[in-house]
Amino acid sequence: MNFETLRSYLLSKPAAVETFPFDEETLVLKVCGKMFALLNIHGDPLRINLKCDPDKAEVLRELFPAIIPGYHMNKRHWNTVILDGSIADDEIFSMIDDSYDLVVQGLPKSKRPVSPS
């Protein structure tokens, strides 16, 4: 998966905003001010940090060698996914969806973005 495809999918999430709060290379995607994805825009291969249910995070790490505990993140709740071509795009999109949904579920109901119908 290339950077533009990944970025486009991340920004397609309702109320998703991209920022560079740490440096000029680390793209952070947020929903209502909360991070749901981080990636180094110059990585080769690209790597993306995604929030994950702790039990599911362990299973994914066992299934895919390209998924490791989240770099510079809470390793119980975040995975780093190395986009080296060993994981199908649909699986990566599903992990992005899960990360976004976990963050949105943690927001007060009044702050949650409305999904387009």
PDB file of N, CA and C in Angstrom:
ATOM      1  N   MET A   1       0.850  -1.173   0.000  1.00  0.00           N
ATOM      2  CA  MET A   1       0.000   0.000   0.000  1.00  0.00           C
ATOM      3  C   MET A   1       0.897   1.238   0.000  1.00  0.00           C
ATOM      4  N   ASN A   2       0.539   2.216  -0.808  1.00  0.00           N
ATOM      5  CA  ASN A   2       1.352   3.424  -0.857  1.00  0.00           C
ATOM      6  C   ASN A   2       0.795   4.497   0.085  1.00  0.00           C
ATOM      7  N   PHE A   3       1.587   5.535   0.284  1.00  0.00           N
ATOM      8  CA  PHE A   3       1.233   6.590   1.229  1.00  0.00           C
ATOM      9  C   PHE A   3      -0.085   7.273   0.863  1.00  0.00           C
ATOM     10  N   GLU A   4      -0.279   7.611  -0.400  1.00  0.00           N
ATOM     11  CA  GLU A   4      -1.485   8.348  -0.799  1.00  0.00           C
ATOM     12  C   GLU A   4      -2.757   7.529  -0.588  1.00  0.00           C
ATOM     13  N   THR A   5      -2.698   6.231  -0.885  1.00  0.00           N
ATOM     14  CA  THR A   5      -3.858   5.364  -0.649  1.00  0.00           C
ATOM     15  C   THR A   5      -4.172   5.311   0.842  1.00  0.00           C
ATOM     16  N   LEU A   6      -3.148   5.152   1.642  1.00  0.00           N
ATOM     17  CA  LEU A   6      -3.304   5.090   3.090  1.00  0.00           C
ATOM     18  C   LEU A   6      -3.865   6.411   3.628  1.00  0.00           C
ATOM     19  N   ARG A   7      -3.277   7.510   3.240  1.00  0.00           N
ATOM     20  CA  ARG A   7      -3.718   8.834   3.701  1.00  0.00           C
ATOM     21  C   ARG A   7      -5.163   9.096   3.290  1.00  0.00           C
ATOM     22  N   SER A   8      -5.495   8.763   2.079  1.00  0.00           N
ATOM     23  CA  SER A   8      -6.849   8.963   1.575  1.00  0.00           C
ATOM     24  C   SER A   8      -7.871   8.170   2.396  1.00  0.00           C
ATOM     25  N   TYR A   9      -7.532   6.930   2.720  1.00  0.00           N
ATOM     26  CA  TYR A   9      -8.446   6.106   3.506  1.00  0.00           C
ATOM     27  C   TYR A   9      -8.603   6.680   4.918  1.00  0.00           C
ATOM     28  N   LEU A  10      -7.497   7.080   5.527  1.00  0.00           N
ATOM     29  CA  LEU A  10      -7.549   7.650   6.876  1.00  0.00           C
ATOM     30  C   LEU A  10      -8.425   8.905   6.905  1.00  0.00           C
ATOM     31  N   LEU A  11      -8.256   9.759   5.899  1.00  0.00           N
ATOM     32  CA  LEU A  11      -9.025  11.003   5.861  1.00  0.00           C
ATOM     33  C   LEU A  11     -10.488  10.802   5.461  1.00  0.00           C
ATOM     34  N   SER A  12     -10.831   9.615   4.986  1.00  0.00           N
ATOM     35  CA  SER A  12     -12.224   9.345   4.626  1.00  0.00           C
ATOM     36  C   SER A  12     -13.098   9.081   5.858  1.00  0.00           C
ATOM     37  N   LYS A  13     -12.468   8.896   7.014  1.00  0.00           N
ATOM     38  CA  LYS A  13     -13.218   8.645   8.244  1.00  0.00           C
ATOM     39  C   LYS A  13     -13.910   9.941   8.672  1.00  0.00           C
ATOM     40  N   PRO A  14     -15.149   9.865   9.160  1.00  0.00           N
ATOM     41  CA  PRO A  14     -15.866  11.079   9.572  1.00  0.00           C
ATOM     42  C   PRO A  14     -15.084  11.900  10.602  1.00  0.00           C
ATOM     43  N   ALA A  15     -14.958  13.182  10.349  1.00  0.00           N
ATOM     44  CA  ALA A  15     -14.302  14.156  11.238  1.00  0.00           C
ATOM     45  C   ALA A  15     -12.801  13.920  11.417  1.00  0.00           C
ATOM     46  N   ALA A  16     -12.182  13.116  10.547  1.00  0.00           N
ATOM     47  CA  ALA A  16     -10.739  12.876  10.641  1.00  0.00           C
ATOM     48  C   ALA A  16      -9.977  14.135  10.233  1.00  0.00           C
ATOM     49  N   VAL A  17      -8.936  14.441  11.001  1.00  0.00           N
ATOM     50  CA  VAL A  17      -8.097  15.611  10.757  1.00  0.00           C
ATOM     51  C   VAL A  17      -6.649  15.154  10.832  1.00  0.00           C
ATOM     52  N   GLU A  18      -5.817  15.665   9.911  1.00  0.00           N
ATOM     53  CA  GLU A  18      -4.397  15.330   9.958  1.00  0.00           C
ATOM     54  C   GLU A  18      -3.619  16.487  10.564  1.00  0.00           C
ATOM     55  N   THR A  19      -2.629  16.141  11.391  1.00  0.00           N
ATOM     56  CA  THR A  19      -1.793  17.144  12.051  1.00  0.00           C
ATOM     57  C   THR A  19      -0.353  16.633  12.093  1.00  0.00           C
ATOM     58  N   PHE A  20       0.552  17.545  12.402  1.00  0.00           N
ATOM     59  CA  PHE A  20       1.963  17.215  12.609  1.00  0.00           C
ATOM     60  C   PHE A  20       2.386  17.799  13.967  1.00  0.00           C
ATOM     61  N   PRO A  21       1.853  17.270  15.082  1.00  0.00           N
ATOM     62  CA  PRO A  21       2.134  17.874  16.386  1.00  0.00           C
ATOM     63  C   PRO A  21       3.542  17.600  16.928  1.00  0.00           C
ATOM     64  N   PHE A  22       4.215  16.568  16.445  1.00  0.00           N
ATOM     65  CA  PHE A  22       5.502  16.172  17.012  1.00  0.00           C
ATOM     66  C   PHE A  22       6.691  16.662  16.186  1.00  0.00           C
ATOM     67  N   ASP A  23       6.595  16.523  14.884  1.00  0.00           N
ATOM     68  CA  ASP A  23       7.670  16.929  13.978  1.00  0.00           C
ATOM     69  C   ASP A  23       7.097  16.979  12.570  1.00  0.00           C
ATOM     70  N   GLU A  24       7.940  17.227  11.580  1.00  0.00           N
ATOM     71  CA  GLU A  24       7.465  17.372  10.202  1.00  0.00           C
ATOM     72  C   GLU A  24       7.345  16.044   9.464  1.00  0.00           C
ATOM     73  N   GLU A  25       7.665  14.940  10.128  1.00  0.00           N
ATOM     74  CA  GLU A  25       7.613  13.628   9.481  1.00  0.00           C
ATOM     75  C   GLU A  25       6.520  12.721  10.022  1.00  0.00           C
ATOM     76  N   THR A  26       6.032  12.995  11.225  1.00  0.00           N
ATOM     77  CA  THR A  26       5.049  12.117  11.856  1.00  0.00           C
ATOM     78  C   THR A  26       3.650  12.674  11.665  1.00  0.00           C
ATOM     79  N   LEU A  27       2.927  12.068  10.732  1.00  0.00           N
ATOM     80  CA  LEU A  27       1.545  12.456  10.458  1.00  0.00           C
ATOM     81  C   LEU A  27       0.651  11.796  11.497  1.00  0.00           C
ATOM     82  N   VAL A  28      -0.165  12.602  12.162  1.00  0.00           N
ATOM     83  CA  VAL A  28      -1.078  12.101  13.185  1.00  0.00           C
ATOM     84  C   VAL A  28      -2.507  12.358  12.715  1.00  0.00           C
ATOM     85  N   LEU A  29      -3.320  11.319  12.717  1.00  0.00           N
ATOM     86  CA  LEU A  29      -4.726  11.441  12.368  1.00  0.00           C
ATOM     87  C   LEU A  29      -5.536  11.424  13.651  1.00  0.00           C
ATOM     88  N   LYS A  30      -6.418  12.418  13.776  1.00  0.00           N
ATOM     89  CA  LYS A  30      -7.226  12.557  14.983  1.00  0.00           C
ATOM     90  C   LYS A  30      -8.698  12.639  14.618  1.00  0.00           C
ATOM     91  N   VAL A  31      -9.523  12.237  15.570  1.00  0.00           N
ATOM     92  CA  VAL A  31     -10.959  12.453  15.487  1.00  0.00           C
ATOM     93  C   VAL A  31     -11.351  13.141  16.791  1.00  0.00           C
ATOM     94  N   CYS A  32     -11.952  14.306  16.679  1.00  0.00           N
ATOM     95  CA  CYS A  32     -12.344  15.104  17.851  1.00  0.00           C
ATOM     96  C   CYS A  32     -11.188  15.285  18.831  1.00  0.00           C
ATOM     97  N   GLY A  33      -9.996  15.521  18.289  1.00  0.00           N
ATOM     98  CA  GLY A  33      -8.826  15.787  19.107  1.00  0.00           C
ATOM     99  C   GLY A  33      -8.113  14.568  19.660  1.00  0.00           C
ATOM    100  N   LYS A  34      -8.584  13.373  19.360  1.00  0.00           N
ATOM    101  CA  LYS A  34      -7.979  12.138  19.868  1.00  0.00           C
ATOM    102  C   LYS A  34      -7.312  11.372  18.729  1.00  0.00           C
ATOM    103  N   MET A  35      -6.083  10.906  18.974  1.00  0.00           N
ATOM    104  CA  MET A  35      -5.327  10.185  17.948  1.00  0.00           C
ATOM    105  C   MET A  35      -5.922   8.808  17.671  1.00  0.00           C
ATOM    106  N   PHE A  36      -5.982   8.452  16.377  1.00  0.00           N
ATOM    107  CA  PHE A  36      -6.338   7.080  16.022  1.00  0.00           C
ATOM    108  C   PHE A  36      -5.316   6.452  15.077  1.00  0.00           C
ATOM    109  N   ALA A  37      -4.391   7.241  14.544  1.00  0.00           N
ATOM    110  CA  ALA A  37      -3.336   6.694  13.676  1.00  0.00           C
ATOM    111  C   ALA A  37      -2.160   7.658  13.633  1.00  0.00           C
ATOM    112  N   LEU A  38      -0.952   7.079  13.571  1.00  0.00           N
ATOM    113  CA  LEU A  38       0.274   7.857  13.418  1.00  0.00           C
ATOM    114  C   LEU A  38       1.131   7.157  12.388  1.00  0.00           C
ATOM    115  N   LEU A  39       1.774   7.916  11.500  1.00  0.00           N
ATOM    116  CA  LEU A  39       2.697   7.295  10.567  1.00  0.00           C
ATOM    117  C   LEU A  39       3.794   8.270  10.160  1.00  0.00           C
ATOM    118  N   ASN A  40       4.961   7.702   9.879  1.00  0.00           N
ATOM    119  CA  ASN A  40       6.090   8.479   9.385  1.00  0.00           C
ATOM    120  C   ASN A  40       5.921   8.578   7.876  1.00  0.00           C
ATOM    121  N   ILE A  41       5.780   9.803   7.388  1.00  0.00           N
ATOM    122  CA  ILE A  41       5.478   9.981   5.960  1.00  0.00           C
ATOM    123  C   ILE A  41       6.634   9.610   5.048  1.00  0.00           C
ATOM    124  N   HIS A  42       7.847   9.466   5.604  1.00  0.00           N
ATOM    125  CA  HIS A  42       9.006   9.121   4.781  1.00  0.00           C
ATOM    126  C   HIS A  42       9.489   7.695   5.028  1.00  0.00           C
ATOM    127  N   GLY A  43       8.727   6.910   5.770  1.00  0.00           N
ATOM    128  CA  GLY A  43       9.154   5.548   6.090  1.00  0.00           C
ATOM    129  C   GLY A  43       9.239   4.658   4.857  1.00  0.00           C
ATOM    130  N   ASP A  44      10.197   3.774   4.868  1.00  0.00           N
ATOM    131  CA  ASP A  44      10.334   2.792   3.796  1.00  0.00           C
ATOM    132  C   ASP A  44      10.817   1.480   4.397  1.00  0.00           C
ATOM    133  N   PRO A  45       9.904   0.551   4.653  1.00  0.00           N
ATOM    134  CA  PRO A  45       8.481   0.615   4.333  1.00  0.00           C
ATOM    135  C   PRO A  45       7.733   1.528   5.301  1.00  0.00           C
ATOM    136  N   LEU A  46       6.536   1.926   4.881  1.00  0.00           N
ATOM    137  CA  LEU A  46       5.675   2.713   5.755  1.00  0.00           C
ATOM    138  C   LEU A  46       5.330   1.895   6.993  1.00  0.00           C
ATOM    139  N   ARG A  47       5.171   2.578   8.104  1.00  0.00           N
ATOM    140  CA  ARG A  47       4.719   1.969   9.352  1.00  0.00           C
ATOM    141  C   ARG A  47       3.622   2.850   9.901  1.00  0.00           C
ATOM    142  N   ILE A  48       2.567   2.221  10.401  1.00  0.00           N
ATOM    143  CA  ILE A  48       1.454   2.974  10.969  1.00  0.00           C
ATOM    144  C   ILE A  48       1.145   2.432  12.363  1.00  0.00           C
ATOM    145  N   ASN A  49       0.975   3.327  13.306  1.00  0.00           N
ATOM    146  CA  ASN A  49       0.554   2.953  14.657  1.00  0.00           C
ATOM    147  C   ASN A  49      -0.955   3.076  14.719  1.00  0.00           C
ATOM    148  N   LEU A  50      -1.594   2.005  15.205  1.00  0.00           N
ATOM    149  CA  LEU A  50      -3.051   1.969  15.304  1.00  0.00           C
ATOM    150  C   LEU A  50      -3.471   1.471  16.675  1.00  0.00           C
ATOM    151  N   LYS A  51      -4.501   2.084  17.209  1.00  0.00           N
ATOM    152  CA  LYS A  51      -5.067   1.643  18.475  1.00  0.00           C
ATOM    153  C   LYS A  51      -5.748   0.296  18.241  1.00  0.00           C
ATOM    154  N   CYS A  52      -5.738  -0.549  19.283  1.00  0.00           N
ATOM    155  CA  CYS A  52      -6.300  -1.888  19.121  1.00  0.00           C
ATOM    156  C   CYS A  52      -6.752  -2.421  20.478  1.00  0.00           C
ATOM    157  N   ASP A  53      -7.820  -3.191  20.471  1.00  0.00           N
ATOM    158  CA  ASP A  53      -8.230  -3.902  21.677  1.00  0.00           C
ATOM    159  C   ASP A  53      -7.050  -4.753  22.133  1.00  0.00           C
ATOM    160  N   PRO A  54      -6.693  -4.722  23.426  1.00  0.00           N
ATOM    161  CA  PRO A  54      -5.501  -5.449  23.890  1.00  0.00           C
ATOM    162  C   PRO A  54      -5.475  -6.935  23.536  1.00  0.00           C
ATOM    163  N   ASP A  55      -6.613  -7.622  23.666  1.00  0.00           N
ATOM    164  CA  ASP A  55      -6.642  -9.051  23.333  1.00  0.00           C
ATOM    165  C   ASP A  55      -6.438  -9.270  21.834  1.00  0.00           C
ATOM    166  N   LYS A  56      -7.099  -8.447  21.039  1.00  0.00           N
ATOM    167  CA  LYS A  56      -6.959  -8.563  19.587  1.00  0.00           C
ATOM    168  C   LYS A  56      -5.539  -8.194  19.151  1.00  0.00           C
ATOM    169  N   ALA A  57      -4.927  -7.217  19.838  1.00  0.00           N
ATOM    170  CA  ALA A  57      -3.559  -6.804  19.510  1.00  0.00           C
ATOM    171  C   ALA A  57      -2.609  -7.983  19.627  1.00  0.00           C
ATOM    172  N   GLU A  58      -2.759  -8.766  20.676  1.00  0.00           N
ATOM    173  CA  GLU A  58      -1.901  -9.943  20.876  1.00  0.00           C
ATOM    174  C   GLU A  58      -2.096 -10.960  19.762  1.00  0.00           C
ATOM    175  N   VAL A  59      -3.343 -11.205  19.402  1.00  0.00           N
ATOM    176  CA  VAL A  59      -3.643 -12.174  18.340  1.00  0.00           C
ATOM    177  C   VAL A  59      -3.033 -11.714  17.017  1.00  0.00           C
ATOM    178  N   LEU A  60      -3.201 -10.430  16.687  1.00  0.00           N
ATOM    179  CA  LEU A  60      -2.654  -9.914  15.432  1.00  0.00           C
ATOM    180  C   LEU A  60      -1.133 -10.030  15.396  1.00  0.00           C
ATOM    181  N   ARG A  61      -0.491  -9.784  16.525  1.00  0.00           N
ATOM    182  CA  ARG A  61       0.975  -9.888  16.588  1.00  0.00           C
ATOM    183  C   ARG A  61       1.437 -11.322  16.379  1.00  0.00           C
ATOM    184  N   GLU A  62       0.629 -12.274  16.830  1.00  0.00           N
ATOM    185  CA  GLU A  62       0.969 -13.689  16.627  1.00  0.00           C
ATOM    186  C   GLU A  62       0.738 -14.105  15.175  1.00  0.00           C
ATOM    187  N   LEU A  63      -0.307 -13.566  14.557  1.00  0.00           N
ATOM    188  CA  LEU A  63      -0.647 -13.936  13.179  1.00  0.00           C
ATOM    189  C   LEU A  63       0.277 -13.310  12.133  1.00  0.00           C
ATOM    190  N   PHE A  64       0.700 -12.074  12.381  1.00  0.00           N
ATOM    191  CA  PHE A  64       1.458 -11.325  11.374  1.00  0.00           C
ATOM    192  C   PHE A  64       2.791 -10.854  11.937  1.00  0.00           C
ATOM    193  N   PRO A  65       3.908 -11.342  11.398  1.00  0.00           N
ATOM    194  CA  PRO A  65       5.217 -10.848  11.839  1.00  0.00           C
ATOM    195  C   PRO A  65       5.397  -9.340  11.621  1.00  0.00           C
ATOM    196  N   ALA A  66       4.641  -8.754  10.696  1.00  0.00           N
ATOM    197  CA  ALA A  66       4.754  -7.321  10.398  1.00  0.00           C
ATOM    198  C   ALA A  66       3.947  -6.454  11.372  1.00  0.00           C
ATOM    199  N   ILE A  67       3.370  -7.057  12.401  1.00  0.00           N
ATOM    200  CA  ILE A  67       2.668  -6.296  13.438  1.00  0.00           C
ATOM    201  C   ILE A  67       3.425  -6.478  14.741  1.00  0.00           C
ATOM    202  N   ILE A  68       3.852  -5.352  15.302  1.00  0.00           N
ATOM    203  CA  ILE A  68       4.651  -5.367  16.526  1.00  0.00           C
ATOM    204  C   ILE A  68       4.018  -4.412  17.542  1.00  0.00           C
ATOM    205  N   PRO A  69       4.428  -4.499  18.807  1.00  0.00           N
ATOM    206  CA  PRO A  69       3.895  -3.551  19.799  1.00  0.00           C
ATOM    207  C   PRO A  69       4.147  -2.111  19.355  1.00  0.00           C
ATOM    208  N   GLY A  70       3.220  -1.231  19.663  1.00  0.00           N
ATOM    209  CA  GLY A  70       3.263   0.152  19.199  1.00  0.00           C
ATOM    210  C   GLY A  70       4.523   0.902  19.584  1.00  0.00           C
ATOM    211  N   TYR A  71       5.215   1.399  18.584  1.00  0.00           N
ATOM    212  CA  TYR A  71       6.452   2.153  18.769  1.00  0.00           C
ATOM    213  C   TYR A  71       6.133   3.483  19.455  1.00  0.00           C
ATOM    214  N   HIS A  72       6.765   3.752  20.582  1.00  0.00           N
ATOM    215  CA  HIS A  72       6.567   4.973  21.373  1.00  0.00           C
ATOM    216  C   HIS A  72       5.128   5.144  21.847  1.00  0.00           C
ATOM    217  N   MET A  73       4.398   4.043  21.991  1.00  0.00           N
ATOM    218  CA  MET A  73       3.000   4.113  22.414  1.00  0.00           C
ATOM    219  C   MET A  73       2.787   3.103  23.546  1.00  0.00           C
ATOM    220  N   ASN A  74       1.610   3.132  24.153  1.00  0.00           N
ATOM    221  CA  ASN A  74       1.241   2.121  25.135  1.00  0.00           C
ATOM    222  C   ASN A  74       1.144   0.793  24.384  1.00  0.00           C
ATOM    223  N   LYS A  75       2.065  -0.100  24.659  1.00  0.00           N
ATOM    224  CA  LYS A  75       2.182  -1.332  23.880  1.00  0.00           C
ATOM    225  C   LYS A  75       1.029  -2.301  24.105  1.00  0.00           C
ATOM    226  N   ARG A  76       0.257  -2.090  25.126  1.00  0.00           N
ATOM    227  CA  ARG A  76      -0.920  -2.926  25.360  1.00  0.00           C
ATOM    228  C   ARG A  76      -2.071  -2.516  24.434  1.00  0.00           C
ATOM    229  N   HIS A  77      -2.152  -1.230  24.113  1.00  0.00           N
ATOM    230  CA  HIS A  77      -3.295  -0.706  23.360  1.00  0.00           C
ATOM    231  C   HIS A  77      -2.980  -0.262  21.934  1.00  0.00           C
ATOM    232  N   TRP A  78      -1.707  -0.304  21.538  1.00  0.00           N
ATOM    233  CA  TRP A  78      -1.327   0.164  20.209  1.00  0.00           C
ATOM    234  C   TRP A  78      -0.419  -0.856  19.522  1.00  0.00           C
ATOM    235  N   ASN A  79      -0.626  -1.023  18.232  1.00  0.00           N
ATOM    236  CA  ASN A  79       0.247  -1.846  17.386  1.00  0.00           C
ATOM    237  C   ASN A  79       0.920  -0.963  16.354  1.00  0.00           C
ATOM    238  N   THR A  80       2.131  -1.342  15.974  1.00  0.00           N
ATOM    239  CA  THR A  80       2.774  -0.764  14.803  1.00  0.00           C
ATOM    240  C   THR A  80       2.643  -1.799  13.695  1.00  0.00           C
ATOM    241  N   VAL A  81       2.083  -1.376  12.578  1.00  0.00           N
ATOM    242  CA  VAL A  81       1.893  -2.249  11.423  1.00  0.00           C
ATOM    243  C   VAL A  81       2.900  -1.821  10.361  1.00  0.00           C
ATOM    244  N   ILE A  82       3.787  -2.738  10.008  1.00  0.00           N
ATOM    245  CA  ILE A  82       4.801  -2.480   8.986  1.00  0.00           C
ATOM    246  C   ILE A  82       4.195  -2.840   7.637  1.00  0.00           C
ATOM    247  N   LEU A  83       4.069  -1.852   6.773  1.00  0.00           N
ATOM    248  CA  LEU A  83       3.397  -2.048   5.482  1.00  0.00           C
ATOM    249  C   LEU A  83       4.398  -2.519   4.441  1.00  0.00           C
ATOM    250  N   ASP A  84       4.814  -3.770   4.609  1.00  0.00           N
ATOM    251  CA  ASP A  84       5.832  -4.360   3.733  1.00  0.00           C
ATOM    252  C   ASP A  84       5.225  -5.249   2.649  1.00  0.00           C
ATOM    253  N   GLY A  85       3.897  -5.222   2.514  1.00  0.00           N
ATOM    254  CA  GLY A  85       3.219  -6.035   1.506  1.00  0.00           C
ATOM    255  C   GLY A  85       2.799  -7.403   1.999  1.00  0.00           C
ATOM    256  N   SER A  86       3.143  -7.748   3.240  1.00  0.00           N
ATOM    257  CA  SER A  86       2.807  -9.079   3.747  1.00  0.00           C
ATOM    258  C   SER A  86       1.387  -9.162   4.312  1.00  0.00           C
ATOM    259  N   ILE A  87       0.742  -8.025   4.480  1.00  0.00           N
ATOM    260  CA  ILE A  87      -0.630  -7.987   4.999  1.00  0.00           C
ATOM    261  C   ILE A  87      -1.525  -7.390   3.922  1.00  0.00           C
ATOM    262  N   ALA A  88      -2.632  -8.054   3.636  1.00  0.00           N
ATOM    263  CA  ALA A  88      -3.562  -7.589   2.602  1.00  0.00           C
ATOM    264  C   ALA A  88      -4.120  -6.209   2.958  1.00  0.00           C
ATOM    265  N   ASP A  89      -4.338  -5.394   1.936  1.00  0.00           N
ATOM    266  CA  ASP A  89      -4.881  -4.051   2.146  1.00  0.00           C
ATOM    267  C   ASP A  89      -6.191  -4.085   2.926  1.00  0.00           C
ATOM    268  N   ASP A  90      -7.067  -5.039   2.613  1.00  0.00           N
ATOM    269  CA  ASP A  90      -8.349  -5.136   3.316  1.00  0.00           C
ATOM    270  C   ASP A  90      -8.155  -5.340   4.815  1.00  0.00           C
ATOM    271  N   GLU A  91      -7.154  -6.105   5.186  1.00  0.00           N
ATOM    272  CA  GLU A  91      -6.850  -6.341   6.604  1.00  0.00           C
ATOM    273  C   GLU A  91      -6.349  -5.043   7.249  1.00  0.00           C
ATOM    274  N   ILE A  92      -5.534  -4.301   6.544  1.00  0.00           N
ATOM    275  CA  ILE A  92      -5.035  -3.015   7.065  1.00  0.00           C
ATOM    276  C   ILE A  92      -6.188  -2.032   7.219  1.00  0.00           C
ATOM    277  N   PHE A  93      -7.073  -1.970   6.228  1.00  0.00           N
ATOM    278  CA  PHE A  93      -8.237  -1.089   6.324  1.00  0.00           C
ATOM    279  C   PHE A  93      -9.098  -1.480   7.520  1.00  0.00           C
ATOM    280  N   SER A  94      -9.249  -2.764   7.757  1.00  0.00           N
ATOM    281  CA  SER A  94     -10.026  -3.239   8.906  1.00  0.00           C
ATOM    282  C   SER A  94      -9.386  -2.803  10.230  1.00  0.00           C
ATOM    283  N   MET A  95      -8.059  -2.863  10.304  1.00  0.00           N
ATOM    284  CA  MET A  95      -7.364  -2.420  11.519  1.00  0.00           C
ATOM    285  C   MET A  95      -7.534  -0.906  11.717  1.00  0.00           C
ATOM    286  N   ILE A  96      -7.517  -0.145  10.631  1.00  0.00           N
ATOM    287  CA  ILE A  96      -7.756   1.299  10.707  1.00  0.00           C
ATOM    288  C   ILE A  96      -9.170   1.557  11.207  1.00  0.00           C
ATOM    289  N   ASP A  97     -10.137   0.830  10.652  1.00  0.00           N
ATOM    290  CA  ASP A  97     -11.529   0.973  11.086  1.00  0.00           C
ATOM    291  C   ASP A  97     -11.657   0.696  12.587  1.00  0.00           C
ATOM    292  N   ASP A  98     -11.017  -0.379  13.052  1.00  0.00           N
ATOM    293  CA  ASP A  98     -11.081  -0.735  14.470  1.00  0.00           C
ATOM    294  C   ASP A  98     -10.471   0.365  15.333  1.00  0.00           C
ATOM    295  N   SER A  99      -9.333   0.909  14.917  1.00  0.00           N
ATOM    296  CA  SER A  99      -8.669   1.965  15.676  1.00  0.00           C
ATOM    297  C   SER A  99      -9.575   3.187  15.774  1.00  0.00           C
ATOM    298  N   TYR A 100     -10.110   3.605  14.657  1.00  0.00           N
ATOM    299  CA  TYR A 100     -11.012   4.760  14.619  1.00  0.00           C
ATOM    300  C   TYR A 100     -12.226   4.508  15.518  1.00  0.00           C
ATOM    301  N   ASP A 101     -12.838   3.342  15.375  1.00  0.00           N
ATOM    302  CA  ASP A 101     -14.040   3.021  16.157  1.00  0.00           C
ATOM    303  C   ASP A 101     -13.757   2.998  17.656  1.00  0.00           C
ATOM    304  N   LEU A 102     -12.607   2.457  18.054  1.00  0.00           N
ATOM    305  CA  LEU A 102     -12.245   2.443  19.481  1.00  0.00           C
ATOM    306  C   LEU A 102     -12.133   3.860  20.033  1.00  0.00           C
ATOM    307  N   VAL A 103     -11.520   4.742  19.275  1.00  0.00           N
ATOM    308  CA  VAL A 103     -11.365   6.125  19.727  1.00  0.00           C
ATOM    309  C   VAL A 103     -12.727   6.809  19.803  1.00  0.00           C
ATOM    310  N   VAL A 104     -13.549   6.635  18.784  1.00  0.00           N
ATOM    311  CA  VAL A 104     -14.878   7.260  18.767  1.00  0.00           C
ATOM    312  C   VAL A 104     -15.728   6.742  19.921  1.00  0.00           C
ATOM    313  N   GLN A 105     -15.662   5.448  20.202  1.00  0.00           N
ATOM    314  CA  GLN A 105     -16.440   4.878  21.309  1.00  0.00           C
ATOM    315  C   GLN A 105     -16.033   5.468  22.649  1.00  0.00           C
ATOM    316  N   GLY A 106     -14.790   5.921  22.757  1.00  0.00           N
ATOM    317  CA  GLY A 106     -14.311   6.520  23.999  1.00  0.00           C
ATOM    318  C   GLY A 106     -14.705   7.981  24.168  1.00  0.00           C
ATOM    319  N   LEU A 107     -15.279   8.572  23.136  1.00  0.00           N
ATOM    320  CA  LEU A 107     -15.711   9.966  23.200  1.00  0.00           C
ATOM    321  C   LEU A 107     -17.091  10.064  23.852  1.00  0.00           C
ATOM    322  N   PRO A 108     -17.382  11.188  24.518  1.00  0.00           N
ATOM    323  CA  PRO A 108     -18.752  11.393  25.000  1.00  0.00           C
ATOM    324  C   PRO A 108     -19.714  11.358  23.808  1.00  0.00           C
ATOM    325  N   LYS A 109     -20.902  10.840  24.013  1.00  0.00           N
ATOM    326  CA  LYS A 109     -21.857  10.700  22.898  1.00  0.00           C
ATOM    327  C   LYS A 109     -22.117  12.022  22.194  1.00  0.00           C
ATOM    328  N   SER A 110     -22.114  13.102  22.940  1.00  0.00           N
ATOM    329  CA  SER A 110     -22.381  14.411  22.341  1.00  0.00           C
ATOM    330  C   SER A 110     -21.262  14.897  21.433  1.00  0.00           C
ATOM    331  N   LYS A 111     -20.067  14.310  21.556  1.00  0.00           N
ATOM    332  CA  LYS A 111     -18.922  14.730  20.740  1.00  0.00           C
ATOM    333  C   LYS A 111     -18.650  13.790  19.564  1.00  0.00           C
ATOM    334  N   ARG A 112     -19.305  12.654  19.518  1.00  0.00           N
ATOM    335  CA  ARG A 112     -19.043  11.675  18.453  1.00  0.00           C
ATOM    336  C   ARG A 112     -19.485  12.198  17.100  1.00  0.00           C
ATOM    337  N   PRO A 113     -18.643  12.001  16.081  1.00  0.00           N
ATOM    338  CA  PRO A 113     -19.045  12.444  14.739  1.00  0.00           C
ATOM    339  C   PRO A 113     -20.193  11.600  14.213  1.00  0.00           C
ATOM    340  N   VAL A 114     -20.992  12.226  13.397  1.00  0.00           N
ATOM    341  CA  VAL A 114     -22.130  11.535  12.779  1.00  0.00           C
ATOM    342  C   VAL A 114     -21.620  10.891  11.488  1.00  0.00           C
ATOM    343  N   SER A 115     -21.842   9.589  11.354  1.00  0.00           N
ATOM    344  CA  SER A 115     -21.420   8.880  10.141  1.00  0.00           C
ATOM    345  C   SER A 115     -22.383   9.222   9.011  1.00  0.00           C
ATOM    346  N   PRO A 116     -21.845   9.433   7.792  1.00  0.00           N
ATOM    347  CA  PRO A 116     -22.726   9.688   6.650  1.00  0.00           C
ATOM    348  C   PRO A 116     -23.570   8.449   6.353  1.00  0.00           C
ATOM    349  N   SER A 117     -24.813   8.669   6.005  1.00  0.00           N
ATOM    350  CA  SER A 117     -25.727   7.536   5.718  1.00  0.00           C
ATOM    351  C   SER A 117     -25.662   7.124   4.284  1.00  0.00           C
TER     352      SER A 117
END
